Amino acid sequence: VLGSASVSIRTWKELKHVEQSSNNIWSATCSAVKEGLRNSNVKPEQVKGIGFDATCSLVVLGENDLPVSVSLSNNRERNIIVWMDHRA
């Protein structure tokens, strides 16, 4: 590993519901990749591979791949049911 970085993501917890935002995760992923590259002192054209890891969650997208709320709040940004959610 020549460089690494991490960026926090937002998590909402209400009752037994635990939700996240796919838009927020994508933005954090892009930021972490850029920061990891800066930390590596490697030129972008020299990169041969990038690794990602994640827990199992359910991402809900609708028409045109837009987020669909899974939340009691109907907030479309809250479109991921996280693995620790117990509403099933």
N, C-alpha and C. Protein backbone atom coordinates (compact mmCIF):
# COMPACT_ATOMS: atom_id res chain seq x y z
N VAL A 1 0.86 -1.18 0.00
CA VAL A 1 0.00 0.00 0.00
C VAL A 1 0.90 1.23 0.00
N LEU A 2 0.73 2.05 -1.00
CA LEU A 2 1.55 3.26 -1.12
C LEU A 2 0.87 4.50 -0.55
N GLY A 3 -0.44 4.46 -0.47
CA GLY A 3 -1.17 5.59 0.08
C GLY A 3 -2.55 5.16 0.51
N SER A 4 -3.08 5.79 1.53
CA SER A 4 -4.44 5.49 1.97
C SER A 4 -5.06 6.74 2.58
N ALA A 5 -6.38 6.71 2.72
CA ALA A 5 -7.11 7.81 3.32
C ALA A 5 -8.50 7.32 3.69
N SER A 6 -9.13 8.00 4.60
CA SER A 6 -10.53 7.69 4.92
C SER A 6 -11.28 9.00 5.17
N VAL A 7 -12.55 8.97 4.87
CA VAL A 7 -13.42 10.13 5.05
C VAL A 7 -14.68 9.64 5.74
N SER A 8 -15.11 10.31 6.78
CA SER A 8 -16.31 9.90 7.52
C SER A 8 -17.56 10.07 6.66
N ILE A 9 -18.53 9.20 6.89
CA ILE A 9 -19.82 9.32 6.21
C ILE A 9 -20.91 9.52 7.26
N ARG A 10 -22.02 10.07 6.84
CA ARG A 10 -23.13 10.37 7.75
C ARG A 10 -23.98 9.13 7.96
N THR A 11 -24.40 8.90 9.18
CA THR A 11 -25.31 7.80 9.53
C THR A 11 -26.43 8.36 10.39
N TRP A 12 -27.66 8.01 10.04
CA TRP A 12 -28.83 8.40 10.83
C TRP A 12 -29.31 7.18 11.61
N LYS A 13 -29.62 7.36 12.89
CA LYS A 13 -30.16 6.27 13.72
C LYS A 13 -31.43 6.78 14.38
N GLU A 14 -32.55 6.10 14.10
CA GLU A 14 -33.84 6.41 14.72
C GLU A 14 -34.53 5.10 15.04
N LEU A 15 -34.94 4.95 16.29
CA LEU A 15 -35.57 3.72 16.73
C LEU A 15 -34.63 2.56 16.38
N LYS A 16 -35.11 1.59 15.61
CA LYS A 16 -34.26 0.47 15.19
C LYS A 16 -33.80 0.64 13.75
N HIS A 17 -34.00 1.83 13.20
CA HIS A 17 -33.61 2.12 11.81
C HIS A 17 -32.22 2.75 11.79
N VAL A 18 -31.39 2.28 10.86
CA VAL A 18 -30.06 2.86 10.66
C VAL A 18 -29.90 3.08 9.16
N GLU A 19 -29.68 4.33 8.77
CA GLU A 19 -29.68 4.69 7.34
C GLU A 19 -28.47 5.53 6.98
N GLN A 20 -28.12 5.48 5.69
CA GLN A 20 -27.05 6.29 5.15
C GLN A 20 -27.47 6.82 3.78
N SER A 21 -26.59 7.60 3.17
CA SER A 21 -26.87 8.24 1.88
C SER A 21 -25.86 7.76 0.84
N SER A 22 -26.35 7.23 -0.28
CA SER A 22 -25.43 6.80 -1.33
C SER A 22 -24.69 7.99 -1.94
N ASN A 23 -25.34 9.15 -2.01
CA ASN A 23 -24.65 10.34 -2.53
C ASN A 23 -23.50 10.75 -1.60
N ASN A 24 -23.75 10.70 -0.29
CA ASN A 24 -22.72 11.03 0.69
C ASN A 24 -21.56 10.04 0.62
N ILE A 25 -21.87 8.75 0.48
CA ILE A 25 -20.82 7.74 0.39
C ILE A 25 -19.99 7.94 -0.87
N TRP A 26 -20.64 8.24 -2.00
CA TRP A 26 -19.90 8.45 -3.25
C TRP A 26 -18.98 9.66 -3.12
N SER A 27 -19.48 10.74 -2.54
CA SER A 27 -18.67 11.94 -2.36
C SER A 27 -17.47 11.65 -1.45
N ALA A 28 -17.70 10.93 -0.36
CA ALA A 28 -16.61 10.57 0.56
C ALA A 28 -15.59 9.66 -0.13
N THR A 29 -16.07 8.74 -0.97
CA THR A 29 -15.17 7.84 -1.70
C THR A 29 -14.27 8.63 -2.64
N CYS A 30 -14.86 9.56 -3.39
CA CYS A 30 -14.07 10.38 -4.31
C CYS A 30 -13.03 11.20 -3.55
N SER A 31 -13.42 11.78 -2.43
CA SER A 31 -12.48 12.57 -1.62
C SER A 31 -11.35 11.71 -1.07
N ALA A 32 -11.68 10.50 -0.60
CA ALA A 32 -10.66 9.61 -0.04
C ALA A 32 -9.67 9.14 -1.11
N VAL A 33 -10.17 8.86 -2.31
CA VAL A 33 -9.28 8.44 -3.40
C VAL A 33 -8.30 9.57 -3.73
N LYS A 34 -8.80 10.80 -3.85
CA LYS A 34 -7.93 11.94 -4.15
C LYS A 34 -6.90 12.15 -3.04
N GLU A 35 -7.34 12.07 -1.78
CA GLU A 35 -6.42 12.25 -0.66
C GLU A 35 -5.40 11.11 -0.58
N GLY A 36 -5.86 9.89 -0.80
CA GLY A 36 -4.95 8.74 -0.80
C GLY A 36 -3.88 8.87 -1.87
N LEU A 37 -4.27 9.35 -3.03
CA LEU A 37 -3.30 9.56 -4.11
C LEU A 37 -2.28 10.64 -3.72
N ARG A 38 -2.77 11.73 -3.12
CA ARG A 38 -1.85 12.78 -2.66
C ARG A 38 -0.88 12.23 -1.61
N ASN A 39 -1.38 11.38 -0.71
CA ASN A 39 -0.55 10.81 0.36
C ASN A 39 0.48 9.81 -0.17
N SER A 40 0.28 9.30 -1.35
CA SER A 40 1.14 8.25 -1.89
C SER A 40 2.39 8.77 -2.60
N ASN A 41 2.36 10.03 -3.01
CA ASN A 41 3.44 10.58 -3.82
C ASN A 41 3.63 9.80 -5.12
N VAL A 42 2.53 9.26 -5.64
CA VAL A 42 2.54 8.51 -6.90
C VAL A 42 1.75 9.34 -7.92
N LYS A 43 2.20 9.34 -9.16
CA LYS A 43 1.47 10.03 -10.22
C LYS A 43 0.24 9.21 -10.60
N PRO A 44 -0.89 9.87 -10.90
CA PRO A 44 -2.11 9.14 -11.24
C PRO A 44 -1.92 8.10 -12.35
N GLU A 45 -1.10 8.40 -13.35
CA GLU A 45 -0.90 7.46 -14.45
C GLU A 45 -0.10 6.22 -14.03
N GLN A 46 0.48 6.25 -12.84
CA GLN A 46 1.23 5.10 -12.34
C GLN A 46 0.35 4.11 -11.56
N VAL A 47 -0.86 4.51 -11.23
CA VAL A 47 -1.76 3.67 -10.43
C VAL A 47 -2.23 2.47 -11.24
N LYS A 48 -2.06 1.28 -10.69
CA LYS A 48 -2.46 0.04 -11.36
C LYS A 48 -3.74 -0.53 -10.76
N GLY A 49 -4.08 -0.13 -9.54
CA GLY A 49 -5.29 -0.66 -8.92
C GLY A 49 -5.64 0.10 -7.65
N ILE A 50 -6.92 0.05 -7.30
CA ILE A 50 -7.43 0.68 -6.09
C ILE A 50 -8.34 -0.34 -5.41
N GLY A 51 -8.24 -0.47 -4.10
CA GLY A 51 -9.09 -1.41 -3.37
C GLY A 51 -10.12 -0.68 -2.51
N PHE A 52 -11.32 -1.26 -2.44
CA PHE A 52 -12.41 -0.72 -1.61
C PHE A 52 -12.98 -1.85 -0.77
N ASP A 53 -13.51 -1.53 0.39
CA ASP A 53 -14.16 -2.51 1.24
C ASP A 53 -15.40 -1.88 1.84
N ALA A 54 -16.45 -2.67 1.99
CA ALA A 54 -17.69 -2.16 2.57
C ALA A 54 -18.48 -3.30 3.20
N THR A 55 -19.33 -2.94 4.15
CA THR A 55 -20.24 -3.93 4.71
C THR A 55 -21.46 -4.04 3.80
N CYS A 56 -22.25 -5.04 4.01
CA CYS A 56 -23.43 -5.28 3.18
C CYS A 56 -24.56 -4.34 3.60
N SER A 57 -25.10 -3.61 2.67
CA SER A 57 -26.22 -2.71 2.91
C SER A 57 -27.12 -2.73 1.69
N LEU A 58 -28.33 -2.20 1.83
CA LEU A 58 -29.29 -2.13 0.74
C LEU A 58 -29.40 -0.69 0.26
N VAL A 59 -29.02 -0.43 -0.99
CA VAL A 59 -29.14 0.90 -1.59
C VAL A 59 -30.40 0.91 -2.44
N VAL A 60 -31.26 1.90 -2.24
CA VAL A 60 -32.52 1.99 -2.98
C VAL A 60 -32.46 3.18 -3.94
N LEU A 61 -32.53 2.85 -5.23
CA LEU A 61 -32.56 3.87 -6.29
C LEU A 61 -33.80 3.67 -7.12
N GLY A 62 -34.33 4.75 -7.65
CA GLY A 62 -35.52 4.67 -8.48
C GLY A 62 -35.23 5.06 -9.91
N GLU A 63 -36.22 5.66 -10.52
CA GLU A 63 -36.12 6.09 -11.90
C GLU A 63 -34.93 7.03 -12.09
N ASN A 64 -34.21 6.85 -13.19
CA ASN A 64 -33.01 7.63 -13.51
C ASN A 64 -31.93 7.50 -12.43
N ASP A 65 -31.96 6.39 -11.70
CA ASP A 65 -30.97 6.10 -10.65
C ASP A 65 -30.94 7.16 -9.55
N LEU A 66 -32.08 7.80 -9.30
CA LEU A 66 -32.17 8.79 -8.23
C LEU A 66 -32.49 8.10 -6.91
N PRO A 67 -31.96 8.62 -5.79
CA PRO A 67 -32.22 8.01 -4.49
C PRO A 67 -33.71 8.00 -4.14
N VAL A 68 -34.14 6.91 -3.51
CA VAL A 68 -35.50 6.78 -3.00
C VAL A 68 -35.40 6.61 -1.48
N SER A 69 -36.16 7.38 -0.74
CA SER A 69 -36.09 7.34 0.71
C SER A 69 -36.51 5.98 1.28
N VAL A 70 -35.75 5.52 2.26
CA VAL A 70 -36.13 4.34 3.04
C VAL A 70 -36.47 4.76 4.46
N SER A 71 -36.58 6.07 4.66
CA SER A 71 -36.70 6.67 5.98
C SER A 71 -38.12 7.08 6.31
N LEU A 72 -38.44 7.05 7.60
CA LEU A 72 -39.73 7.58 8.05
C LEU A 72 -39.83 9.07 7.77
N SER A 73 -38.69 9.75 7.62
CA SER A 73 -38.67 11.19 7.35
C SER A 73 -38.95 11.52 5.88
N ASN A 74 -38.92 10.50 5.01
CA ASN A 74 -39.06 10.67 3.56
C ASN A 74 -37.93 11.51 2.95
N ASN A 75 -36.81 11.62 3.64
CA ASN A 75 -35.63 12.32 3.13
C ASN A 75 -34.97 11.42 2.09
N ARG A 76 -34.95 11.85 0.81
CA ARG A 76 -34.40 11.02 -0.27
C ARG A 76 -32.92 10.74 -0.10
N GLU A 77 -32.21 11.59 0.64
CA GLU A 77 -30.78 11.34 0.88
C GLU A 77 -30.59 10.08 1.74
N ARG A 78 -31.58 9.73 2.50
CA ARG A 78 -31.50 8.55 3.38
C ARG A 78 -32.02 7.35 2.61
N ASN A 79 -31.20 6.85 1.67
CA ASN A 79 -31.65 5.79 0.76
C ASN A 79 -30.88 4.48 0.93
N ILE A 80 -30.22 4.31 2.07
CA ILE A 80 -29.52 3.05 2.34
C ILE A 80 -29.99 2.50 3.67
N ILE A 81 -30.38 1.23 3.66
CA ILE A 81 -30.65 0.51 4.90
C ILE A 81 -29.35 -0.18 5.28
N VAL A 82 -28.78 0.20 6.41
CA VAL A 82 -27.47 -0.29 6.85
C VAL A 82 -27.62 -1.70 7.46
N TRP A 83 -26.57 -2.48 7.39
CA TRP A 83 -26.57 -3.88 7.85
C TRP A 83 -27.08 -4.02 9.29
N MET A 84 -26.90 -3.02 10.15
CA MET A 84 -27.31 -3.15 11.55
C MET A 84 -28.76 -2.70 11.79
N ASP A 85 -29.49 -2.39 10.72
CA ASP A 85 -30.89 -1.99 10.80
C ASP A 85 -31.73 -3.23 11.13
N HIS A 86 -32.71 -3.09 12.04
CA HIS A 86 -33.49 -4.25 12.47
C HIS A 86 -34.96 -4.18 12.08
N ARG A 87 -35.29 -3.47 11.03
CA ARG A 87 -36.71 -3.38 10.69
C ARG A 87 -37.22 -4.59 9.91
N ALA A 88 -36.34 -5.45 9.43
CA ALA A 88 -36.78 -6.63 8.68
C ALA A 88 -37.56 -7.54 9.58
